[in-house]
Amino acid sequence: QNYLDNFWPDLKAAHELFDSILQARRERESESQENHGKEYPEHLPVEILEAGIKSGRYIQGTLNVNKHRAQLEAFVRLQGFGSKEAG
C-alpha cells in the first residue's frame, strides 16, 4: 500500500488491483475463522463418521489422485482390502 501511495499515486489500475487482493484476503481469513481454522467445512461431524464406520454404514479409505491427471484420474484404496490381505 505504501509503495503504491508513494511511487504510483496516479496509477488507478494498480490501486484497484491491490484493493481487490486485500478484500479477497480478508474474506478468506474470515471464512477460515468461521471454519475454526479448517480450509474446508466438514460435511458430517466426526462422531457421526466414527459411528458410521463402526456400524458398517460408511467405509474408510484413502483417496489417491494422479498428480499428472488430477481432474481425470483418482481411486480410493479401502482399509483392510489391500492386495496382501486378498486371497
N, C-alpha and C. Protein backbone atom coordinates (compact mmCIF):
# COMPACT_ATOMS: atom_id res chain seq x y z
N GLN A 1 0.83 -1.19 0.00
CA GLN A 1 0.00 0.00 0.00
C GLN A 1 0.87 1.25 0.00
N ASN A 2 1.86 1.27 0.89
CA ASN A 2 2.75 2.44 0.97
C ASN A 2 3.50 2.67 -0.33
N TYR A 3 3.98 1.59 -0.93
CA TYR A 3 4.72 1.70 -2.19
C TYR A 3 3.84 2.34 -3.26
N LEU A 4 2.61 1.84 -3.39
CA LEU A 4 1.71 2.40 -4.40
C LEU A 4 1.40 3.86 -4.10
N ASP A 5 1.13 4.16 -2.85
CA ASP A 5 0.80 5.54 -2.48
C ASP A 5 1.95 6.50 -2.73
N ASN A 6 3.17 6.05 -2.44
CA ASN A 6 4.32 6.94 -2.56
C ASN A 6 4.88 7.05 -3.97
N PHE A 7 4.91 5.94 -4.71
CA PHE A 7 5.56 5.95 -6.01
C PHE A 7 4.61 5.95 -7.20
N TRP A 8 3.40 5.47 -7.01
CA TRP A 8 2.44 5.38 -8.11
C TRP A 8 1.06 5.90 -7.68
N PRO A 9 0.99 7.11 -7.18
CA PRO A 9 -0.29 7.61 -6.67
C PRO A 9 -1.37 7.76 -7.75
N ASP A 10 -0.97 7.92 -9.01
CA ASP A 10 -1.95 8.14 -10.08
C ASP A 10 -2.28 6.87 -10.88
N LEU A 11 -1.67 5.75 -10.52
CA LEU A 11 -1.89 4.50 -11.26
C LEU A 11 -3.12 3.80 -10.68
N LYS A 12 -4.28 4.19 -11.20
CA LYS A 12 -5.56 3.73 -10.67
C LYS A 12 -5.72 2.21 -10.74
N ALA A 13 -5.31 1.59 -11.84
CA ALA A 13 -5.47 0.15 -12.01
C ALA A 13 -4.71 -0.63 -10.94
N ALA A 14 -3.51 -0.18 -10.60
CA ALA A 14 -2.72 -0.87 -9.57
C ALA A 14 -3.38 -0.74 -8.20
N HIS A 15 -3.93 0.42 -7.90
CA HIS A 15 -4.63 0.62 -6.62
C HIS A 15 -5.88 -0.25 -6.55
N GLU A 16 -6.61 -0.36 -7.66
CA GLU A 16 -7.80 -1.19 -7.69
C GLU A 16 -7.44 -2.67 -7.52
N LEU A 17 -6.36 -3.10 -8.15
CA LEU A 17 -5.91 -4.47 -8.01
C LEU A 17 -5.50 -4.76 -6.57
N PHE A 18 -4.76 -3.84 -5.96
CA PHE A 18 -4.36 -4.01 -4.57
C PHE A 18 -5.58 -4.11 -3.67
N ASP A 19 -6.55 -3.25 -3.86
CA ASP A 19 -7.77 -3.29 -3.04
C ASP A 19 -8.51 -4.61 -3.23
N SER A 20 -8.55 -5.11 -4.45
CA SER A 20 -9.21 -6.38 -4.73
C SER A 20 -8.51 -7.54 -4.02
N ILE A 21 -7.19 -7.56 -4.07
CA ILE A 21 -6.42 -8.61 -3.41
C ILE A 21 -6.60 -8.53 -1.90
N LEU A 22 -6.58 -7.34 -1.36
CA LEU A 22 -6.77 -7.15 0.07
C LEU A 22 -8.14 -7.63 0.52
N GLN A 23 -9.17 -7.32 -0.24
CA GLN A 23 -10.53 -7.75 0.08
C GLN A 23 -10.64 -9.28 0.03
N ALA A 24 -10.06 -9.90 -0.99
CA ALA A 24 -10.09 -11.37 -1.11
C ALA A 24 -9.38 -12.02 0.07
N ARG A 25 -8.27 -11.44 0.48
CA ARG A 25 -7.53 -11.98 1.64
C ARG A 25 -8.35 -11.87 2.91
N ARG A 26 -9.00 -10.74 3.10
CA ARG A 26 -9.85 -10.56 4.30
C ARG A 26 -11.01 -11.56 4.31
N GLU A 27 -11.62 -11.78 3.15
CA GLU A 27 -12.73 -12.74 3.07
C GLU A 27 -12.24 -14.15 3.38
N ARG A 28 -11.08 -14.51 2.88
CA ARG A 28 -10.53 -15.85 3.14
C ARG A 28 -10.21 -16.02 4.63
N GLU A 29 -9.63 -15.01 5.24
CA GLU A 29 -9.32 -15.07 6.67
C GLU A 29 -10.60 -15.18 7.49
N SER A 30 -11.64 -14.45 7.07
CA SER A 30 -12.92 -14.51 7.77
C SER A 30 -13.54 -15.90 7.66
N GLU A 31 -13.49 -16.49 6.46
CA GLU A 31 -14.02 -17.84 6.27
C GLU A 31 -13.24 -18.85 7.10
N SER A 32 -11.92 -18.67 7.18
CA SER A 32 -11.08 -19.59 7.95
C SER A 32 -11.44 -19.51 9.43
N GLN A 33 -11.70 -18.32 9.93
CA GLN A 33 -12.09 -18.17 11.33
C GLN A 33 -13.45 -18.80 11.59
N GLU A 34 -14.37 -18.67 10.64
CA GLU A 34 -15.69 -19.29 10.78
C GLU A 34 -15.60 -20.80 10.79
N ASN A 35 -14.63 -21.36 10.06
CA ASN A 35 -14.44 -22.80 9.99
C ASN A 35 -13.45 -23.30 11.03
N HIS A 36 -13.13 -22.46 12.00
CA HIS A 36 -12.21 -22.81 13.09
C HIS A 36 -10.85 -23.24 12.57
N GLY A 37 -10.35 -22.51 11.58
CA GLY A 37 -9.02 -22.76 11.05
C GLY A 37 -8.95 -23.86 10.00
N LYS A 38 -10.06 -24.50 9.69
CA LYS A 38 -10.05 -25.57 8.69
C LYS A 38 -10.28 -24.97 7.31
N GLU A 39 -9.58 -25.50 6.34
CA GLU A 39 -9.69 -24.96 4.99
C GLU A 39 -11.06 -25.25 4.38
N TYR A 40 -11.59 -26.45 4.66
CA TYR A 40 -12.88 -26.84 4.12
C TYR A 40 -13.81 -27.19 5.27
N PRO A 41 -15.10 -26.82 5.15
CA PRO A 41 -16.04 -27.20 6.22
C PRO A 41 -16.30 -28.71 6.19
N GLU A 42 -16.55 -29.28 7.36
CA GLU A 42 -16.84 -30.70 7.45
C GLU A 42 -18.25 -30.97 6.96
N HIS A 43 -18.43 -32.10 6.27
CA HIS A 43 -19.76 -32.48 5.82
C HIS A 43 -20.57 -33.09 6.95
N LEU A 44 -19.94 -33.93 7.73
CA LEU A 44 -20.58 -34.57 8.88
C LEU A 44 -19.65 -34.44 10.08
N PRO A 45 -20.22 -34.34 11.28
CA PRO A 45 -19.36 -34.30 12.47
C PRO A 45 -18.57 -35.60 12.61
N VAL A 46 -17.40 -35.50 13.24
CA VAL A 46 -16.52 -36.65 13.41
C VAL A 46 -17.23 -37.79 14.13
N GLU A 47 -18.04 -37.47 15.13
CA GLU A 47 -18.72 -38.50 15.90
C GLU A 47 -19.63 -39.36 15.02
N ILE A 48 -20.34 -38.71 14.11
CA ILE A 48 -21.25 -39.44 13.21
C ILE A 48 -20.45 -40.32 12.26
N LEU A 49 -19.34 -39.80 11.74
CA LEU A 49 -18.49 -40.61 10.85
C LEU A 49 -17.93 -41.83 11.56
N GLU A 50 -17.42 -41.63 12.79
CA GLU A 50 -16.86 -42.75 13.53
C GLU A 50 -17.91 -43.80 13.82
N ALA A 51 -19.11 -43.37 14.22
CA ALA A 51 -20.20 -44.32 14.48
C ALA A 51 -20.60 -45.04 13.20
N GLY A 52 -20.64 -44.33 12.09
CA GLY A 52 -20.98 -44.94 10.81
C GLY A 52 -19.97 -45.96 10.35
N ILE A 53 -18.69 -45.70 10.61
CA ILE A 53 -17.64 -46.66 10.25
C ILE A 53 -17.76 -47.91 11.10
N LYS A 54 -17.98 -47.73 12.41
CA LYS A 54 -18.12 -48.88 13.32
C LYS A 54 -19.33 -49.73 12.97
N SER A 55 -20.42 -49.09 12.57
CA SER A 55 -21.65 -49.84 12.27
C SER A 55 -21.63 -50.45 10.87
N GLY A 56 -20.68 -50.04 10.03
CA GLY A 56 -20.61 -50.56 8.67
C GLY A 56 -21.40 -49.73 7.66
N ARG A 57 -22.02 -48.66 8.12
CA ARG A 57 -22.75 -47.79 7.19
C ARG A 57 -21.80 -47.06 6.26
N TYR A 58 -20.65 -46.64 6.79
CA TYR A 58 -19.63 -45.98 6.00
C TYR A 58 -18.39 -46.85 5.96
N ILE A 59 -17.56 -46.66 4.93
CA ILE A 59 -16.28 -47.35 4.84
C ILE A 59 -15.18 -46.31 4.87
N GLN A 60 -14.01 -46.73 5.33
CA GLN A 60 -12.89 -45.80 5.44
C GLN A 60 -11.83 -46.20 4.44
N GLY A 61 -11.26 -45.19 3.78
CA GLY A 61 -10.23 -45.46 2.80
C GLY A 61 -9.36 -44.25 2.58
N THR A 62 -8.45 -44.38 1.65
CA THR A 62 -7.53 -43.31 1.31
C THR A 62 -7.73 -42.93 -0.14
N LEU A 63 -7.92 -41.64 -0.39
CA LEU A 63 -8.09 -41.14 -1.75
C LEU A 63 -6.70 -40.91 -2.35
N ASN A 64 -6.47 -41.53 -3.49
CA ASN A 64 -5.21 -41.35 -4.23
C ASN A 64 -5.55 -40.66 -5.55
N VAL A 65 -4.86 -39.55 -5.81
CA VAL A 65 -5.11 -38.76 -7.02
C VAL A 65 -3.84 -38.72 -7.85
N ASN A 66 -3.97 -38.98 -9.15
CA ASN A 66 -2.85 -38.90 -10.07
C ASN A 66 -2.44 -37.44 -10.20
N LYS A 67 -1.21 -37.11 -9.80
CA LYS A 67 -0.78 -35.71 -9.81
C LYS A 67 -0.65 -35.14 -11.22
N HIS A 68 -0.52 -36.00 -12.21
CA HIS A 68 -0.39 -35.54 -13.59
C HIS A 68 -1.74 -35.39 -14.28
N ARG A 69 -2.73 -36.12 -13.80
CA ARG A 69 -4.07 -36.09 -14.41
C ARG A 69 -5.12 -35.99 -13.29
N ALA A 70 -4.95 -35.03 -12.39
CA ALA A 70 -5.76 -34.94 -11.19
C ALA A 70 -7.25 -34.81 -11.47
N GLN A 71 -7.63 -34.14 -12.54
CA GLN A 71 -9.05 -33.95 -12.83
C GLN A 71 -9.67 -35.19 -13.48
N LEU A 72 -8.83 -36.12 -13.93
CA LEU A 72 -9.34 -37.27 -14.67
C LEU A 72 -9.13 -38.61 -13.98
N GLU A 73 -8.17 -38.69 -13.08
CA GLU A 73 -7.78 -39.99 -12.57
C GLU A 73 -7.56 -39.98 -11.06
N ALA A 74 -8.35 -40.79 -10.35
CA ALA A 74 -8.21 -40.95 -8.91
C ALA A 74 -8.86 -42.27 -8.52
N PHE A 75 -8.45 -42.82 -7.37
CA PHE A 75 -9.09 -44.02 -6.86
C PHE A 75 -9.03 -44.02 -5.35
N VAL A 76 -9.89 -44.83 -4.74
CA VAL A 76 -9.93 -44.94 -3.28
C VAL A 76 -9.44 -46.33 -2.90
N ARG A 77 -8.47 -46.38 -2.02
CA ARG A 77 -7.97 -47.65 -1.51
C ARG A 77 -8.63 -47.87 -0.14
N LEU A 78 -9.41 -48.91 -0.04
CA LEU A 78 -10.13 -49.20 1.20
C LEU A 78 -9.19 -49.83 2.21
N GLN A 79 -9.37 -49.44 3.48
CA GLN A 79 -8.55 -50.03 4.52
C GLN A 79 -9.02 -51.46 4.76
N GLY A 80 -8.06 -52.37 4.89
CA GLY A 80 -8.39 -53.75 5.13
C GLY A 80 -8.62 -54.54 3.85
N PHE A 81 -8.51 -53.91 2.68
CA PHE A 81 -8.73 -54.60 1.41
C PHE A 81 -7.51 -54.48 0.51
N GLY A 82 -6.31 -54.47 1.10
CA GLY A 82 -5.09 -54.37 0.30
C GLY A 82 -4.79 -55.67 -0.41
N SER A 83 -3.83 -55.65 -1.31
CA SER A 83 -3.50 -56.83 -2.11
C SER A 83 -2.93 -57.96 -1.25
N LYS A 84 -2.28 -57.64 -0.13
CA LYS A 84 -1.72 -58.68 0.72
C LYS A 84 -2.80 -59.47 1.45
N GLU A 85 -3.89 -58.79 1.80
CA GLU A 85 -4.95 -59.48 2.55
C GLU A 85 -5.90 -60.27 1.66
N ALA A 86 -5.95 -59.94 0.37
CA ALA A 86 -6.85 -60.64 -0.53
C ALA A 86 -6.29 -62.04 -0.79
N GLY A 87 -7.19 -62.98 -0.88
CA GLY A 87 -6.63 -64.26 -1.21
C GLY A 87 -7.43 -65.39 -0.84
